[in-house]
Amino acid sequence: MDEMMSRKLCQIIAGIVVADDDLDPAEDAFIENLMKRFGLPLEERDALFPIMDGEEAAKELLALSPAAQREALGLLVEAVAADKKYAAEEREFLEKVAGVLSVPKDELDRMVEAAIRG
């Protein structure tokens, strides 16, 4: 994955972890670990702004390859599960993304519940 794509995915993930206006320390750590995983310098964390909402994230994901879309959805689910809570705002964000990726809501809920449990 190239640097531009990595930044875009981090920006999308940052959007979901702040969707409920509560950045839990576990969610913050998830973002830091994701940046490290993608080889992005932590001092460039400000590059994740502006934060995307669910509609913007959905549009961005449509431009990605199917493999990148699956990876992004998986990362979004992991990000939601990081604090072991599934806030209504996070659900709304995820449902917008899942809708453009043709992922049924019940499947999405199963993915999130499994991630929270495990």
C-alpha atoms as a PDB file:
ATOM      1  CA  MET A   1       0.000   0.000   0.000  1.00  0.00           C
ATOM      2  CA  ASP A   2       1.441   3.375  -0.940  1.00  0.00           C
ATOM      3  CA  GLU A   3       1.820   6.285   1.486  1.00  0.00           C
ATOM      4  CA  MET A   4      -1.124   8.249   0.103  1.00  0.00           C
ATOM      5  CA  MET A   5      -3.436   5.245   0.504  1.00  0.00           C
ATOM      6  CA  SER A   6      -2.099   4.613   4.012  1.00  0.00           C
ATOM      7  CA  ARG A   7      -2.791   8.208   5.015  1.00  0.00           C
ATOM      8  CA  LYS A   8      -6.291   8.042   3.552  1.00  0.00           C
ATOM      9  CA  LEU A   9      -7.091   4.860   5.480  1.00  0.00           C
ATOM     10  CA  CYS A  10      -5.756   6.365   8.706  1.00  0.00           C
ATOM     11  CA  GLN A  11      -7.885   9.442   8.086  1.00  0.00           C
ATOM     12  CA  ILE A  12     -10.974   7.265   7.626  1.00  0.00           C
ATOM     13  CA  ILE A  13     -10.186   5.256  10.769  1.00  0.00           C
ATOM     14  CA  ALA A  14      -9.607   8.448  12.753  1.00  0.00           C
ATOM     15  CA  GLY A  15     -13.082   9.519  11.688  1.00  0.00           C
ATOM     16  CA  ILE A  16     -14.776   6.536  13.232  1.00  0.00           C
ATOM     17  CA  VAL A  17     -12.918   6.636  16.541  1.00  0.00           C
ATOM     18  CA  VAL A  18     -14.047  10.211  17.159  1.00  0.00           C
ATOM     19  CA  ALA A  19     -17.553   9.733  15.758  1.00  0.00           C
ATOM     20  CA  ASP A  20     -18.955   9.490  19.288  1.00  0.00           C
ATOM     21  CA  ASP A  21     -17.004  12.585  20.452  1.00  0.00           C
ATOM     22  CA  ASP A  22     -15.049  10.420  22.880  1.00  0.00           C
ATOM     23  CA  LEU A  23     -11.500   9.416  22.015  1.00  0.00           C
ATOM     24  CA  ASP A  24     -10.830   6.569  24.401  1.00  0.00           C
ATOM     25  CA  PRO A  25      -7.137   5.855  25.174  1.00  0.00           C
ATOM     26  CA  ALA A  26      -7.528   2.436  23.516  1.00  0.00           C
ATOM     27  CA  GLU A  27      -8.804   4.106  20.344  1.00  0.00           C
ATOM     28  CA  ASP A  28      -5.950   6.598  20.452  1.00  0.00           C
ATOM     29  CA  ALA A  29      -3.479   3.722  20.779  1.00  0.00           C
ATOM     30  CA  PHE A  30      -5.181   1.957  17.858  1.00  0.00           C
ATOM     31  CA  ILE A  31      -4.562   5.005  15.637  1.00  0.00           C
ATOM     32  CA  GLU A  32      -0.920   5.204  16.732  1.00  0.00           C
ATOM     33  CA  ASN A  33      -0.383   1.495  16.073  1.00  0.00           C
ATOM     34  CA  LEU A  34      -2.044   1.788  12.681  1.00  0.00           C
ATOM     35  CA  MET A  35       0.221   4.678  11.733  1.00  0.00           C
ATOM     36  CA  LYS A  36       3.250   2.641  12.810  1.00  0.00           C
ATOM     37  CA  ARG A  37       1.995  -0.378  10.867  1.00  0.00           C
ATOM     38  CA  PHE A  38       1.679   1.733   7.733  1.00  0.00           C
ATOM     39  CA  GLY A  39       5.080   3.349   8.300  1.00  0.00           C
ATOM     40  CA  LEU A  40       3.667   6.816   8.885  1.00  0.00           C
ATOM     41  CA  PRO A  41       5.594   9.061  11.292  1.00  0.00           C
ATOM     42  CA  LEU A  42       3.656   9.759  14.485  1.00  0.00           C
ATOM     43  CA  GLU A  43       4.752  13.378  14.422  1.00  0.00           C
ATOM     44  CA  GLU A  44       2.632  13.741  11.276  1.00  0.00           C
ATOM     45  CA  ARG A  45      -0.541  12.750  13.101  1.00  0.00           C
ATOM     46  CA  ASP A  46      -2.042  16.139  12.235  1.00  0.00           C
ATOM     47  CA  ALA A  47      -2.071  14.925   8.626  1.00  0.00           C
ATOM     48  CA  LEU A  48      -5.099  12.805   9.581  1.00  0.00           C
ATOM     49  CA  PHE A  49      -7.193  15.952   9.723  1.00  0.00           C
ATOM     50  CA  PRO A  50      -9.712  16.940   8.641  1.00  0.00           C
ATOM     51  CA  ILE A  51     -11.504  13.937  10.047  1.00  0.00           C
ATOM     52  CA  MET A  52     -13.946  12.244   7.682  1.00  0.00           C
ATOM     53  CA  ASP A  53     -17.535  11.480   8.531  1.00  0.00           C
ATOM     54  CA  GLY A  54     -19.282   8.310   7.409  1.00  0.00           C
ATOM     55  CA  GLU A  55     -20.517   9.720   4.112  1.00  0.00           C
ATOM     56  CA  GLU A  56     -17.085  11.034   3.148  1.00  0.00           C
ATOM     57  CA  ALA A  57     -15.481   7.746   4.172  1.00  0.00           C
ATOM     58  CA  ALA A  58     -17.978   5.798   2.066  1.00  0.00           C
ATOM     59  CA  LYS A  59     -17.180   7.920  -0.996  1.00  0.00           C
ATOM     60  CA  GLU A  60     -13.447   7.482  -0.467  1.00  0.00           C
ATOM     61  CA  LEU A  61     -13.792   3.716  -0.111  1.00  0.00           C
ATOM     62  CA  LEU A  62     -15.627   3.454  -3.424  1.00  0.00           C
ATOM     63  CA  ALA A  63     -12.446   4.618  -5.155  1.00  0.00           C
ATOM     64  CA  LEU A  64     -10.389   1.781  -3.646  1.00  0.00           C
ATOM     65  CA  SER A  65      -9.791  -1.682  -5.007  1.00  0.00           C
ATOM     66  CA  PRO A  66     -12.007  -4.449  -3.588  1.00  0.00           C
ATOM     67  CA  ALA A  67      -9.059  -5.763  -1.551  1.00  0.00           C
ATOM     68  CA  ALA A  68      -8.391  -2.330  -0.061  1.00  0.00           C
ATOM     69  CA  GLN A  69     -12.109  -1.907   0.667  1.00  0.00           C
ATOM     70  CA  ARG A  70     -12.156  -5.195   2.625  1.00  0.00           C
ATOM     71  CA  GLU A  71      -9.025  -4.177   4.516  1.00  0.00           C
ATOM     72  CA  ALA A  72     -10.521  -0.781   5.334  1.00  0.00           C
ATOM     73  CA  LEU A  73     -13.767  -2.311   6.582  1.00  0.00           C
ATOM     74  CA  GLY A  74     -11.806  -4.734   8.745  1.00  0.00           C
ATOM     75  CA  LEU A  75      -9.767  -1.879  10.202  1.00  0.00           C
ATOM     76  CA  LEU A  76     -12.917   0.131  10.871  1.00  0.00           C
ATOM     77  CA  VAL A  77     -14.412  -2.801  12.747  1.00  0.00           C
ATOM     78  CA  GLU A  78     -11.187  -3.236  14.756  1.00  0.00           C
ATOM     79  CA  ALA A  79     -11.163   0.481  15.559  1.00  0.00           C
ATOM     80  CA  VAL A  80     -14.744   0.365  16.819  1.00  0.00           C
ATOM     81  CA  ALA A  81     -13.914  -2.632  19.002  1.00  0.00           C
ATOM     82  CA  ALA A  82     -10.764  -1.044  20.454  1.00  0.00           C
ATOM     83  CA  ASP A  83     -12.657   0.474  23.401  1.00  0.00           C
ATOM     84  CA  LYS A  84     -15.046  -2.504  23.701  1.00  0.00           C
ATOM     85  CA  LYS A  85     -18.040  -0.212  23.003  1.00  0.00           C
ATOM     86  CA  TYR A  86     -20.224   0.129  19.919  1.00  0.00           C
ATOM     87  CA  ALA A  87     -21.632   3.637  20.107  1.00  0.00           C
ATOM     88  CA  ALA A  88     -24.646   4.641  18.025  1.00  0.00           C
ATOM     89  CA  GLU A  89     -22.513   7.178  16.156  1.00  0.00           C
ATOM     90  CA  GLU A  90     -19.957   4.497  15.294  1.00  0.00           C
ATOM     91  CA  ARG A  91     -22.745   2.208  14.109  1.00  0.00           C
ATOM     92  CA  GLU A  92     -24.106   4.977  11.871  1.00  0.00           C
ATOM     93  CA  PHE A  93     -20.640   5.612  10.402  1.00  0.00           C
ATOM     94  CA  LEU A  94     -20.061   1.906   9.777  1.00  0.00           C
ATOM     95  CA  GLU A  95     -23.496   1.419   8.236  1.00  0.00           C
ATOM     96  CA  LYS A  96     -22.784   4.160   5.674  1.00  0.00           C
ATOM     97  CA  VAL A  97     -19.521   2.503   4.722  1.00  0.00           C
ATOM     98  CA  ALA A  98     -21.003  -0.996   4.717  1.00  0.00           C
ATOM     99  CA  GLY A  99     -23.876   0.203   2.550  1.00  0.00           C
ATOM    100  CA  VAL A 100     -21.620   1.239  -0.325  1.00  0.00           C
ATOM    101  CA  LEU A 101     -19.666  -1.998   0.051  1.00  0.00           C
ATOM    102  CA  SER A 102     -22.882  -4.076  -0.028  1.00  0.00           C
ATOM    103  CA  VAL A 103     -22.293  -5.540   3.422  1.00  0.00           C
ATOM    104  CA  PRO A 104     -25.619  -6.311   5.149  1.00  0.00           C
ATOM    105  CA  LYS A 105     -26.211  -4.672   8.538  1.00  0.00           C
ATOM    106  CA  ASP A 106     -26.617  -8.003  10.319  1.00  0.00           C
ATOM    107  CA  GLU A 107     -23.250  -9.184   8.981  1.00  0.00           C
ATOM    108  CA  LEU A 108     -21.686  -5.895  10.048  1.00  0.00           C
ATOM    109  CA  ASP A 109     -23.108  -6.264  13.562  1.00  0.00           C
ATOM    110  CA  ARG A 110     -21.735  -9.833  13.775  1.00  0.00           C
ATOM    111  CA  MET A 111     -18.303  -8.577  12.717  1.00  0.00           C
ATOM    112  CA  VAL A 112     -18.293  -5.869  15.375  1.00  0.00           C
ATOM    113  CA  GLU A 113     -19.603  -8.177  18.112  1.00  0.00           C
ATOM    114  CA  ALA A 114     -16.947 -10.766  17.278  1.00  0.00           C
ATOM    115  CA  ALA A 115     -14.217  -8.099  17.349  1.00  0.00           C
ATOM    116  CA  ILE A 116     -15.408  -6.774  20.704  1.00  0.00           C
ATOM    117  CA  ARG A 117     -15.450 -10.287  22.174  1.00  0.00           C
ATOM    118  CA  GLY A 118     -12.126 -11.322  20.788  1.00  0.00           C
END
